[in-house]
Amino acid sequence: MAHADLDATIDHLSEDGAPPDELLMRRLKKRRLALRDQIAQLENALDPKEPA
């Protein structure tokens, strides 16, 4: 849910008529990437590709 919220915020800031705050955009994108990595790690922990 937090990842989707960040996606929506980034999209909204990108579509706004004024130029986006580059530092804010970098921080949001970095946080989104970190969340995506956490999601991938949790998915791999729940469903490992190799049999145990």
PDB file of N, CA and C in Angstrom:
ATOM      1  N   MET A   1       0.827  -1.177   0.000  1.00  0.00           N
ATOM      2  CA  MET A   1       0.000   0.000   0.000  1.00  0.00           C
ATOM      3  C   MET A   1       0.882   1.255   0.000  1.00  0.00           C
ATOM      4  N   ALA A   2       1.956   1.252   0.767  1.00  0.00           N
ATOM      5  CA  ALA A   2       2.860   2.404   0.800  1.00  0.00           C
ATOM      6  C   ALA A   2       3.519   2.603  -0.568  1.00  0.00           C
ATOM      7  N   HIS A   3       3.830   1.495  -1.249  1.00  0.00           N
ATOM      8  CA  HIS A   3       4.435   1.583  -2.573  1.00  0.00           C
ATOM      9  C   HIS A   3       3.471   2.239  -3.552  1.00  0.00           C
ATOM     10  N   ALA A   4       2.212   1.857  -3.496  1.00  0.00           N
ATOM     11  CA  ALA A   4       1.202   2.454  -4.377  1.00  0.00           C
ATOM     12  C   ALA A   4       1.016   3.933  -4.061  1.00  0.00           C
ATOM     13  N   ASP A   5       1.051   4.293  -2.788  1.00  0.00           N
ATOM     14  CA  ASP A   5       0.933   5.697  -2.406  1.00  0.00           C
ATOM     15  C   ASP A   5       2.104   6.510  -2.959  1.00  0.00           C
ATOM     16  N   LEU A   6       3.302   5.957  -2.877  1.00  0.00           N
ATOM     17  CA  LEU A   6       4.462   6.656  -3.429  1.00  0.00           C
ATOM     18  C   LEU A   6       4.351   6.794  -4.939  1.00  0.00           C
ATOM     19  N   ASP A   7       3.884   5.753  -5.615  1.00  0.00           N
ATOM     20  CA  ASP A   7       3.674   5.827  -7.059  1.00  0.00           C
ATOM     21  C   ASP A   7       2.722   6.967  -7.403  1.00  0.00           C
ATOM     22  N   ALA A   8       1.628   7.042  -6.689  1.00  0.00           N
ATOM     23  CA  ALA A   8       0.631   8.081  -6.951  1.00  0.00           C
ATOM     24  C   ALA A   8       1.208   9.474  -6.683  1.00  0.00           C
ATOM     25  N   THR A   9       1.963   9.620  -5.618  1.00  0.00           N
ATOM     26  CA  THR A   9       2.566  10.910  -5.289  1.00  0.00           C
ATOM     27  C   THR A   9       3.569  11.329  -6.352  1.00  0.00           C
ATOM     28  N   ILE A  10       4.408  10.410  -6.777  1.00  0.00           N
ATOM     29  CA  ILE A  10       5.405  10.708  -7.807  1.00  0.00           C
ATOM     30  C   ILE A  10       4.715  11.075  -9.110  1.00  0.00           C
ATOM     31  N   ASP A  11       3.695  10.329  -9.488  1.00  0.00           N
ATOM     32  CA  ASP A  11       2.953  10.638 -10.704  1.00  0.00           C
ATOM     33  C   ASP A  11       2.307  12.013 -10.618  1.00  0.00           C
ATOM     34  N   HIS A  12       1.718  12.314  -9.490  1.00  0.00           N
ATOM     35  CA  HIS A  12       1.054  13.608  -9.306  1.00  0.00           C
ATOM     36  C   HIS A  12       2.058  14.760  -9.399  1.00  0.00           C
ATOM     37  N   LEU A  13       3.206  14.609  -8.759  1.00  0.00           N
ATOM     38  CA  LEU A  13       4.223  15.654  -8.811  1.00  0.00           C
ATOM     39  C   LEU A  13       4.800  15.807 -10.213  1.00  0.00           C
ATOM     40  N   SER A  14       4.904  14.713 -10.952  1.00  0.00           N
ATOM     41  CA  SER A  14       5.436  14.760 -12.309  1.00  0.00           C
ATOM     42  C   SER A  14       4.465  15.431 -13.269  1.00  0.00           C
ATOM     43  N   GLU A  15       3.171  15.221 -13.064  1.00  0.00           N
ATOM     44  CA  GLU A  15       2.153  15.763 -13.951  1.00  0.00           C
ATOM     45  C   GLU A  15       1.812  17.218 -13.649  1.00  0.00           C
ATOM     46  N   ASP A  16       2.189  17.690 -12.467  1.00  0.00           N
ATOM     47  CA  ASP A  16       1.891  19.067 -12.073  1.00  0.00           C
ATOM     48  C   ASP A  16       2.569  20.030 -13.045  1.00  0.00           C
ATOM     49  N   GLY A  17       1.963  21.189 -13.280  1.00  0.00           N
ATOM     50  CA  GLY A  17       2.490  22.160 -14.233  1.00  0.00           C
ATOM     51  C   GLY A  17       3.831  22.735 -13.835  1.00  0.00           C
ATOM     52  N   ALA A  18       4.088  22.890 -12.552  1.00  0.00           N
ATOM     53  CA  ALA A  18       5.353  23.458 -12.088  1.00  0.00           C
ATOM     54  C   ALA A  18       6.436  22.387 -12.121  1.00  0.00           C
ATOM     55  N   PRO A  19       7.695  22.796 -12.335  1.00  0.00           N
ATOM     56  CA  PRO A  19       8.771  21.802 -12.299  1.00  0.00           C
ATOM     57  C   PRO A  19       8.887  21.185 -10.902  1.00  0.00           C
ATOM     58  N   PRO A  20       9.016  19.876 -10.834  1.00  0.00           N
ATOM     59  CA  PRO A  20       9.059  19.211  -9.519  1.00  0.00           C
ATOM     60  C   PRO A  20      10.360  19.508  -8.788  1.00  0.00           C
ATOM     61  N   ASP A  21      10.296  19.425  -7.475  1.00  0.00           N
ATOM     62  CA  ASP A  21      11.479  19.572  -6.629  1.00  0.00           C
ATOM     63  C   ASP A  21      12.336  18.322  -6.828  1.00  0.00           C
ATOM     64  N   GLU A  22      13.495  18.490  -7.443  1.00  0.00           N
ATOM     65  CA  GLU A  22      14.333  17.347  -7.806  1.00  0.00           C
ATOM     66  C   GLU A  22      14.783  16.545  -6.593  1.00  0.00           C
ATOM     67  N   LEU A  23      15.129  17.224  -5.515  1.00  0.00           N
ATOM     68  CA  LEU A  23      15.562  16.511  -4.315  1.00  0.00           C
ATOM     69  C   LEU A  23      14.421  15.671  -3.747  1.00  0.00           C
ATOM     70  N   LEU A  24      13.241  16.237  -3.691  1.00  0.00           N
ATOM     71  CA  LEU A  24      12.072  15.503  -3.210  1.00  0.00           C
ATOM     72  C   LEU A  24      11.781  14.304  -4.105  1.00  0.00           C
ATOM     73  N   MET A  25      11.846  14.506  -5.418  1.00  0.00           N
ATOM     74  CA  MET A  25      11.583  13.404  -6.351  1.00  0.00           C
ATOM     75  C   MET A  25      12.608  12.281  -6.172  1.00  0.00           C
ATOM     76  N   ARG A  26      13.887  12.628  -6.004  1.00  0.00           N
ATOM     77  CA  ARG A  26      14.911  11.600  -5.801  1.00  0.00           C
ATOM     78  C   ARG A  26      14.664  10.823  -4.521  1.00  0.00           C
ATOM     79  N   ARG A  27      14.281  11.527  -3.455  1.00  0.00           N
ATOM     80  CA  ARG A  27      14.014  10.851  -2.180  1.00  0.00           C
ATOM     81  C   ARG A  27      12.807   9.925  -2.291  1.00  0.00           C
ATOM     82  N   LEU A  28      11.757  10.391  -2.952  1.00  0.00           N
ATOM     83  CA  LEU A  28      10.559   9.563  -3.117  1.00  0.00           C
ATOM     84  C   LEU A  28      10.870   8.326  -3.951  1.00  0.00           C
ATOM     85  N   LYS A  29      11.611   8.502  -5.026  1.00  0.00           N
ATOM     86  CA  LYS A  29      11.945   7.370  -5.891  1.00  0.00           C
ATOM     87  C   LYS A  29      12.858   6.374  -5.178  1.00  0.00           C
ATOM     88  N   LYS A  30      13.776   6.887  -4.363  1.00  0.00           N
ATOM     89  CA  LYS A  30      14.655   6.004  -3.597  1.00  0.00           C
ATOM     90  C   LYS A  30      13.856   5.200  -2.582  1.00  0.00           C
ATOM     91  N   ARG A  31      12.910   5.858  -1.917  1.00  0.00           N
ATOM     92  CA  ARG A  31      12.052   5.166  -0.942  1.00  0.00           C
ATOM     93  C   ARG A  31      11.185   4.114  -1.642  1.00  0.00           C
ATOM     94  N   ARG A  32      10.659   4.470  -2.821  1.00  0.00           N
ATOM     95  CA  ARG A  32       9.845   3.521  -3.584  1.00  0.00           C
ATOM     96  C   ARG A  32      10.663   2.299  -3.976  1.00  0.00           C
ATOM     97  N   LEU A  33      11.904   2.511  -4.392  1.00  0.00           N
ATOM     98  CA  LEU A  33      12.774   1.401  -4.767  1.00  0.00           C
ATOM     99  C   LEU A  33      13.079   0.513  -3.560  1.00  0.00           C
ATOM    100  N   ALA A  34      13.315   1.138  -2.411  1.00  0.00           N
ATOM    101  CA  ALA A  34      13.573   0.362  -1.196  1.00  0.00           C
ATOM    102  C   ALA A  34      12.360  -0.485  -0.825  1.00  0.00           C
ATOM    103  N   LEU A  35      11.173   0.082  -0.952  1.00  0.00           N
ATOM    104  CA  LEU A  35       9.950  -0.688  -0.660  1.00  0.00           C
ATOM    105  C   LEU A  35       9.787  -1.839  -1.643  1.00  0.00           C
ATOM    106  N   ARG A  36      10.089  -1.585  -2.917  1.00  0.00           N
ATOM    107  CA  ARG A  36       9.987  -2.639  -3.927  1.00  0.00           C
ATOM    108  C   ARG A  36      10.939  -3.780  -3.601  1.00  0.00           C
ATOM    109  N   ASP A  37      12.155  -3.446  -3.146  1.00  0.00           N
ATOM    110  CA  ASP A  37      13.124  -4.474  -2.757  1.00  0.00           C
ATOM    111  C   ASP A  37      12.629  -5.271  -1.550  1.00  0.00           C
ATOM    112  N   GLN A  38      12.040  -4.585  -0.566  1.00  0.00           N
ATOM    113  CA  GLN A  38      11.497  -5.282   0.605  1.00  0.00           C
ATOM    114  C   GLN A  38      10.367  -6.220   0.204  1.00  0.00           C
ATOM    115  N   ILE A  39       9.518  -5.777  -0.702  1.00  0.00           N
ATOM    116  CA  ILE A  39       8.412  -6.618  -1.177  1.00  0.00           C
ATOM    117  C   ILE A  39       8.970  -7.867  -1.859  1.00  0.00           C
ATOM    118  N   ALA A  40       9.984  -7.699  -2.701  1.00  0.00           N
ATOM    119  CA  ALA A  40      10.592  -8.838  -3.400  1.00  0.00           C
ATOM    120  C   ALA A  40      11.221  -9.816  -2.412  1.00  0.00           C
ATOM    121  N   GLN A  41      11.886  -9.300  -1.385  1.00  0.00           N
ATOM    122  CA  GLN A  41      12.498 -10.174  -0.381  1.00  0.00           C
ATOM    123  C   GLN A  41      11.432 -10.968   0.372  1.00  0.00           C
ATOM    124  N   LEU A  42      10.339 -10.317   0.729  1.00  0.00           N
ATOM    125  CA  LEU A  42       9.269 -11.015   1.437  1.00  0.00           C
ATOM    126  C   LEU A  42       8.623 -12.078   0.557  1.00  0.00           C
ATOM    127  N   GLU A  43       8.419 -11.755  -0.718  1.00  0.00           N
ATOM    128  CA  GLU A  43       7.834 -12.733  -1.633  1.00  0.00           C
ATOM    129  C   GLU A  43       8.748 -13.937  -1.792  1.00  0.00           C
ATOM    130  N   ASN A  44      10.056 -13.695  -1.891  1.00  0.00           N
ATOM    131  CA  ASN A  44      11.007 -14.807  -2.019  1.00  0.00           C
ATOM    132  C   ASN A  44      11.058 -15.648  -0.751  1.00  0.00           C
ATOM    133  N   ALA A  45      10.900 -15.024   0.402  1.00  0.00           N
ATOM    134  CA  ALA A  45      10.912 -15.770   1.665  1.00  0.00           C
ATOM    135  C   ALA A  45       9.672 -16.652   1.781  1.00  0.00           C
ATOM    136  N   LEU A  46       8.552 -16.175   1.273  1.00  0.00           N
ATOM    137  CA  LEU A  46       7.306 -16.939   1.365  1.00  0.00           C
ATOM    138  C   LEU A  46       7.238 -18.052   0.334  1.00  0.00           C
ATOM    139  N   ASP A  47       7.832 -17.815  -0.844  1.00  0.00           N
ATOM    140  CA  ASP A  47       7.741 -18.789  -1.928  1.00  0.00           C
ATOM    141  C   ASP A  47       9.131 -18.943  -2.567  1.00  0.00           C
ATOM    142  N   PRO A  48      10.022 -19.719  -1.923  1.00  0.00           N
ATOM    143  CA  PRO A  48      11.371 -19.872  -2.480  1.00  0.00           C
ATOM    144  C   PRO A  48      11.327 -20.610  -3.810  1.00  0.00           C
ATOM    145  N   LYS A  49      12.264 -20.250  -4.687  1.00  0.00           N
ATOM    146  CA  LYS A  49      12.285 -20.850  -6.016  1.00  0.00           C
ATOM    147  C   LYS A  49      12.815 -22.288  -5.985  1.00  0.00           C
ATOM    148  N   GLU A  50      13.694 -22.598  -5.041  1.00  0.00           N
ATOM    149  CA  GLU A  50      14.243 -23.942  -4.927  1.00  0.00           C
ATOM    150  C   GLU A  50      13.515 -24.715  -3.832  1.00  0.00           C
ATOM    151  N   PRO A  51      13.260 -25.997  -4.057  1.00  0.00           N
ATOM    152  CA  PRO A  51      12.597 -26.785  -3.011  1.00  0.00           C
ATOM    153  C   PRO A  51      13.502 -26.952  -1.801  1.00  0.00           C
ATOM    154  N   ALA A  52      12.892 -26.999  -0.645  1.00  0.00           N
ATOM    155  CA  ALA A  52      13.652 -27.111   0.611  1.00  0.00           C
ATOM    156  C   ALA A  52      14.149 -28.509   0.824  1.00  0.00           C
TER     157      ALA A  52
END
